[in-house]
């Protein structure tokens, strides 16, 4: 191998290594932006059948919520469906604990006096109503109002029944 060929080979290897490092950073940044779009902006993860929603619809919501952030738009636009879905699934699993969904939901039920209304709605399987009541109540914490966007209806059912 000549010196010129060794230099090109080294450049290619170095480029691949740098690309992988950037890829890991990009993936982390993508997930951070996805998580924000879910918990802060209310991009829904689950459909009414308790399955992850249509990834195109989720992508569109996330993309719209990040119009102020060109870097996020580039990451979202550049992520294939599998990568975006992985970021969505990981984010939705982390959000309830990271942002104390149980405590915030309990606050709405008891401090805000919505326990009976929420339980009635649960008996009617009116999960949209529960989501609406929850969204409208935690005015003291704007980061809490959209937390239910990260969870399924069965999660909400279990949460209400545990309180």
C-alpha atoms as a PDB file:
ATOM      1  CA  UNK A   1       0.000   0.000   0.000  1.00  0.00           C
ATOM      2  CA  UNK A   2       1.452   3.349  -1.026  1.00  0.00           C
ATOM      3  CA  UNK A   3       1.566   6.358   1.261  1.00  0.00           C
ATOM      4  CA  UNK A   4      -1.205   8.030  -0.790  1.00  0.00           C
ATOM      5  CA  UNK A   5      -3.427   4.928  -0.512  1.00  0.00           C
ATOM      6  CA  UNK A   6      -2.734   4.691   3.235  1.00  0.00           C
ATOM      7  CA  UNK A   7      -3.774   8.339   3.660  1.00  0.00           C
ATOM      8  CA  UNK A   8      -7.030   7.768   1.759  1.00  0.00           C
ATOM      9  CA  UNK A   9      -7.695   4.594   3.743  1.00  0.00           C
ATOM     10  CA  UNK A  10      -7.034   6.451   7.015  1.00  0.00           C
ATOM     11  CA  UNK A  11      -9.305   9.290   5.902  1.00  0.00           C
ATOM     12  CA  UNK A  12     -12.076   6.846   5.068  1.00  0.00           C
ATOM     13  CA  UNK A  13     -11.710   4.997   8.376  1.00  0.00           C
ATOM     14  CA  UNK A  14     -11.507   8.256  10.299  1.00  0.00           C
ATOM     15  CA  UNK A  15     -14.550   9.561   8.456  1.00  0.00           C
ATOM     16  CA  UNK A  16     -16.529   6.449   9.303  1.00  0.00           C
ATOM     17  CA  UNK A  17     -15.534   6.715  12.955  1.00  0.00           C
ATOM     18  CA  UNK A  18     -16.462  10.399  13.062  1.00  0.00           C
ATOM     19  CA  UNK A  19     -19.749   9.709  11.315  1.00  0.00           C
ATOM     20  CA  UNK A  20     -20.589   7.056  13.898  1.00  0.00           C
ATOM     21  CA  UNK A  21     -19.770   9.435  16.754  1.00  0.00           C
ATOM     22  CA  UNK A  22     -21.871  12.170  15.190  1.00  0.00           C
ATOM     23  CA  UNK A  23     -24.621   9.671  14.553  1.00  0.00           C
ATOM     24  CA  UNK A  24     -24.748   8.777  18.254  1.00  0.00           C
ATOM     25  CA  UNK A  25     -24.871  12.470  19.168  1.00  0.00           C
ATOM     26  CA  UNK A  26     -27.540  13.116  16.543  1.00  0.00           C
ATOM     27  CA  UNK A  27     -29.610  10.224  17.823  1.00  0.00           C
ATOM     28  CA  UNK A  28     -29.461  11.566  21.371  1.00  0.00           C
ATOM     29  CA  UNK A  29     -30.408  15.028  20.165  1.00  0.00           C
ATOM     30  CA  UNK A  30     -33.236  13.589  18.061  1.00  0.00           C
ATOM     31  CA  UNK A  31     -34.617  11.797  21.100  1.00  0.00           C
ATOM     32  CA  UNK A  32     -34.388  14.961  23.208  1.00  0.00           C
ATOM     33  CA  UNK A  33     -36.401  16.875  20.587  1.00  0.00           C
ATOM     34  CA  UNK A  34     -38.930  14.067  20.231  1.00  0.00           C
ATOM     35  CA  UNK A  35     -39.385  13.918  23.996  1.00  0.00           C
ATOM     36  CA  UNK A  36     -39.962  17.685  24.189  1.00  0.00           C
ATOM     37  CA  UNK A  37     -42.536  17.500  21.401  1.00  0.00           C
ATOM     38  CA  UNK A  38     -44.426  14.829  23.313  1.00  0.00           C
ATOM     39  CA  UNK A  39     -44.366  16.131  26.880  1.00  0.00           C
ATOM     40  CA  UNK A  40     -44.379  19.867  26.191  1.00  0.00           C
ATOM     41  CA  UNK A  41     -46.275  20.191  22.931  1.00  0.00           C
ATOM     42  CA  UNK A  42     -48.608  17.198  23.266  1.00  0.00           C
ATOM     43  CA  UNK A  43     -47.719  15.079  20.235  1.00  0.00           C
ATOM     44  CA  UNK A  44     -49.701  11.910  20.886  1.00  0.00           C
ATOM     45  CA  UNK A  45     -47.820   8.625  20.802  1.00  0.00           C
ATOM     46  CA  UNK A  46     -50.651   6.102  21.153  1.00  0.00           C
ATOM     47  CA  UNK A  47     -53.756   5.636  19.064  1.00  0.00           C
ATOM     48  CA  UNK A  48     -57.091   4.861  20.725  1.00  0.00           C
ATOM     49  CA  UNK A  49     -56.434   1.118  20.305  1.00  0.00           C
ATOM     50  CA  UNK A  50     -53.428   1.320  22.678  1.00  0.00           C
ATOM     51  CA  UNK A  51     -50.974   0.779  19.821  1.00  0.00           C
ATOM     52  CA  UNK A  52     -48.303   3.244  18.799  1.00  0.00           C
ATOM     53  CA  UNK A  53     -49.906   5.643  16.370  1.00  0.00           C
ATOM     54  CA  UNK A  54     -49.059   6.070  12.717  1.00  0.00           C
ATOM     55  CA  UNK A  55     -45.403   7.096  12.534  1.00  0.00           C
ATOM     56  CA  UNK A  56     -46.117   9.551   9.699  1.00  0.00           C
ATOM     57  CA  UNK A  57     -48.712  11.345  11.827  1.00  0.00           C
ATOM     58  CA  UNK A  58     -46.341  11.384  14.810  1.00  0.00           C
ATOM     59  CA  UNK A  59     -43.502  12.683  12.619  1.00  0.00           C
ATOM     60  CA  UNK A  60     -45.733  15.459  11.265  1.00  0.00           C
ATOM     61  CA  UNK A  61     -46.748  16.551  14.760  1.00  0.00           C
ATOM     62  CA  UNK A  62     -43.164  16.540  15.994  1.00  0.00           C
ATOM     63  CA  UNK A  63     -42.013  18.395  12.900  1.00  0.00           C
ATOM     64  CA  UNK A  64     -44.719  21.058  13.331  1.00  0.00           C
ATOM     65  CA  UNK A  65     -43.889  21.511  17.006  1.00  0.00           C
ATOM     66  CA  UNK A  66     -40.236  22.173  16.174  1.00  0.00           C
ATOM     67  CA  UNK A  67     -40.712  24.907  13.549  1.00  0.00           C
ATOM     68  CA  UNK A  68     -38.621  27.251  15.689  1.00  0.00           C
ATOM     69  CA  UNK A  69     -35.651  24.845  15.724  1.00  0.00           C
ATOM     70  CA  UNK A  70     -33.947  24.231  12.383  1.00  0.00           C
ATOM     71  CA  UNK A  71     -31.519  21.694  13.825  1.00  0.00           C
ATOM     72  CA  UNK A  72     -34.441  19.633  15.170  1.00  0.00           C
ATOM     73  CA  UNK A  73     -36.209  19.873  11.810  1.00  0.00           C
ATOM     74  CA  UNK A  74     -33.083  18.541  10.088  1.00  0.00           C
ATOM     75  CA  UNK A  75     -32.810  15.642  12.524  1.00  0.00           C
ATOM     76  CA  UNK A  76     -36.499  14.752  12.276  1.00  0.00           C
ATOM     77  CA  UNK A  77     -36.495  15.031   8.502  1.00  0.00           C
ATOM     78  CA  UNK A  78     -33.321  12.953   8.253  1.00  0.00           C
ATOM     79  CA  UNK A  79     -34.428  10.154  10.559  1.00  0.00           C
ATOM     80  CA  UNK A  80     -35.899   7.099   8.898  1.00  0.00           C
ATOM     81  CA  UNK A  81     -39.148   5.702  10.316  1.00  0.00           C
ATOM     82  CA  UNK A  82     -37.406   3.017  12.378  1.00  0.00           C
ATOM     83  CA  UNK A  83     -35.060   5.501  14.053  1.00  0.00           C
ATOM     84  CA  UNK A  84     -37.864   7.957  14.752  1.00  0.00           C
ATOM     85  CA  UNK A  85     -40.085   5.185  16.094  1.00  0.00           C
ATOM     86  CA  UNK A  86     -37.308   4.065  18.428  1.00  0.00           C
ATOM     87  CA  UNK A  87     -36.898   7.634  19.739  1.00  0.00           C
ATOM     88  CA  UNK A  88     -40.684   7.892  20.224  1.00  0.00           C
ATOM     89  CA  UNK A  89     -40.941   4.565  22.063  1.00  0.00           C
ATOM     90  CA  UNK A  90     -37.969   5.335  24.330  1.00  0.00           C
ATOM     91  CA  UNK A  91     -39.258   8.840  25.065  1.00  0.00           C
ATOM     92  CA  UNK A  92     -42.778   7.687  25.852  1.00  0.00           C
ATOM     93  CA  UNK A  93     -41.404   5.075  28.255  1.00  0.00           C
ATOM     94  CA  UNK A  94     -39.251   7.656  30.068  1.00  0.00           C
ATOM     95  CA  UNK A  95     -41.666  10.594  30.268  1.00  0.00           C
ATOM     96  CA  UNK A  96     -44.038   9.321  33.007  1.00  0.00           C
ATOM     97  CA  UNK A  97     -41.221   8.806  35.509  1.00  0.00           C
ATOM     98  CA  UNK A  98     -39.043  11.700  34.451  1.00  0.00           C
ATOM     99  CA  UNK A  99     -41.886  14.205  34.717  1.00  0.00           C
ATOM    100  CA  UNK A 100     -43.749  12.627  37.672  1.00  0.00           C
ATOM    101  CA  UNK A 101     -46.950  11.858  35.781  1.00  0.00           C
ATOM    102  CA  UNK A 102     -48.420   9.933  38.712  1.00  0.00           C
ATOM    103  CA  UNK A 103     -47.924  12.836  41.127  1.00  0.00           C
ATOM    104  CA  UNK A 104     -49.262  15.381  38.648  1.00  0.00           C
ATOM    105  CA  UNK A 105     -52.292  13.236  37.845  1.00  0.00           C
ATOM    106  CA  UNK A 106     -52.974  12.751  41.543  1.00  0.00           C
ATOM    107  CA  UNK A 107     -52.804  16.541  41.977  1.00  0.00           C
ATOM    108  CA  UNK A 108     -55.507  16.997  39.347  1.00  0.00           C
ATOM    109  CA  UNK A 109     -57.711  14.282  40.839  1.00  0.00           C
ATOM    110  CA  UNK A 110     -57.491  15.426  44.442  1.00  0.00           C
ATOM    111  CA  UNK A 111     -56.224  19.017  44.682  1.00  0.00           C
ATOM    112  CA  UNK A 112     -58.177  20.169  41.647  1.00  0.00           C
ATOM    113  CA  UNK A 113     -61.234  18.132  42.733  1.00  0.00           C
ATOM    114  CA  UNK A 114     -61.582  16.107  39.540  1.00  0.00           C
ATOM    115  CA  UNK A 115     -61.577  12.613  41.087  1.00  0.00           C
ATOM    116  CA  UNK A 116     -65.284  11.868  40.609  1.00  0.00           C
ATOM    117  CA  UNK A 117     -65.433  13.330  37.119  1.00  0.00           C
ATOM    118  CA  UNK A 118     -62.368  11.343  36.023  1.00  0.00           C
ATOM    119  CA  UNK A 119     -63.719   8.131  37.564  1.00  0.00           C
ATOM    120  CA  UNK A 120     -67.070   8.669  35.830  1.00  0.00           C
ATOM    121  CA  UNK A 121     -65.294   9.233  32.519  1.00  0.00           C
ATOM    122  CA  UNK A 122     -63.239   6.102  33.088  1.00  0.00           C
ATOM    123  CA  UNK A 123     -66.446   4.101  33.605  1.00  0.00           C
ATOM    124  CA  UNK A 124     -67.650   5.473  30.264  1.00  0.00           C
ATOM    125  CA  UNK A 125     -64.268   4.710  28.668  1.00  0.00           C
ATOM    126  CA  UNK A 126     -64.072   8.402  27.801  1.00  0.00           C
ATOM    127  CA  UNK A 127     -60.297   8.661  27.643  1.00  0.00           C
ATOM    128  CA  UNK A 128     -60.402  11.794  25.493  1.00  0.00           C
ATOM    129  CA  UNK A 129     -62.443  13.440  28.243  1.00  0.00           C
ATOM    130  CA  UNK A 130     -59.918  12.372  30.884  1.00  0.00           C
ATOM    131  CA  UNK A 131     -57.077  13.701  28.747  1.00  0.00           C
ATOM    132  CA  UNK A 132     -58.943  16.987  28.322  1.00  0.00           C
ATOM    133  CA  UNK A 133     -59.666  17.406  32.038  1.00  0.00           C
ATOM    134  CA  UNK A 134     -56.047  16.633  32.866  1.00  0.00           C
ATOM    135  CA  UNK A 135     -54.735  19.007  30.199  1.00  0.00           C
ATOM    136  CA  UNK A 136     -56.864  21.906  31.436  1.00  0.00           C
ATOM    137  CA  UNK A 137     -55.976  21.666  35.151  1.00  0.00           C
ATOM    138  CA  UNK A 138     -52.254  21.828  35.960  1.00  0.00           C
ATOM    139  CA  UNK A 139     -51.860  25.545  35.302  1.00  0.00           C
ATOM    140  CA  UNK A 140     -49.170  25.650  37.974  1.00  0.00           C
ATOM    141  CA  UNK A 141     -46.960  23.411  35.841  1.00  0.00           C
ATOM    142  CA  UNK A 142     -47.040  23.934  32.053  1.00  0.00           C
ATOM    143  CA  UNK A 143     -44.673  20.973  31.578  1.00  0.00           C
ATOM    144  CA  UNK A 144     -47.297  18.670  33.119  1.00  0.00           C
ATOM    145  CA  UNK A 145     -50.334  19.477  30.992  1.00  0.00           C
ATOM    146  CA  UNK A 146     -49.355  17.303  28.008  1.00  0.00           C
ATOM    147  CA  UNK A 147     -47.830  14.336  29.815  1.00  0.00           C
ATOM    148  CA  UNK A 148     -50.755  12.074  28.895  1.00  0.00           C
ATOM    149  CA  UNK A 149     -49.665  12.377  25.259  1.00  0.00           C
ATOM    150  CA  UNK A 150     -46.935   9.860  26.101  1.00  0.00           C
ATOM    151  CA  UNK A 151     -49.209   7.122  27.415  1.00  0.00           C
ATOM    152  CA  UNK A 152     -51.892   4.726  26.216  1.00  0.00           C
ATOM    153  CA  UNK A 153     -55.503   4.570  27.342  1.00  0.00           C
ATOM    154  CA  UNK A 154     -54.769   1.391  29.299  1.00  0.00           C
ATOM    155  CA  UNK A 155     -51.990   3.259  31.138  1.00  0.00           C
ATOM    156  CA  UNK A 156     -54.505   5.971  32.046  1.00  0.00           C
ATOM    157  CA  UNK A 157     -57.017   3.326  33.198  1.00  0.00           C
ATOM    158  CA  UNK A 158     -54.423   1.705  35.437  1.00  0.00           C
ATOM    159  CA  UNK A 159     -53.295   5.092  36.746  1.00  0.00           C
ATOM    160  CA  UNK A 160     -56.841   6.165  37.667  1.00  0.00           C
ATOM    161  CA  UNK A 161     -57.556   2.811  39.298  1.00  0.00           C
ATOM    162  CA  UNK A 162     -54.354   3.035  41.355  1.00  0.00           C
ATOM    163  CA  UNK A 163     -55.312   6.406  42.788  1.00  0.00           C
END
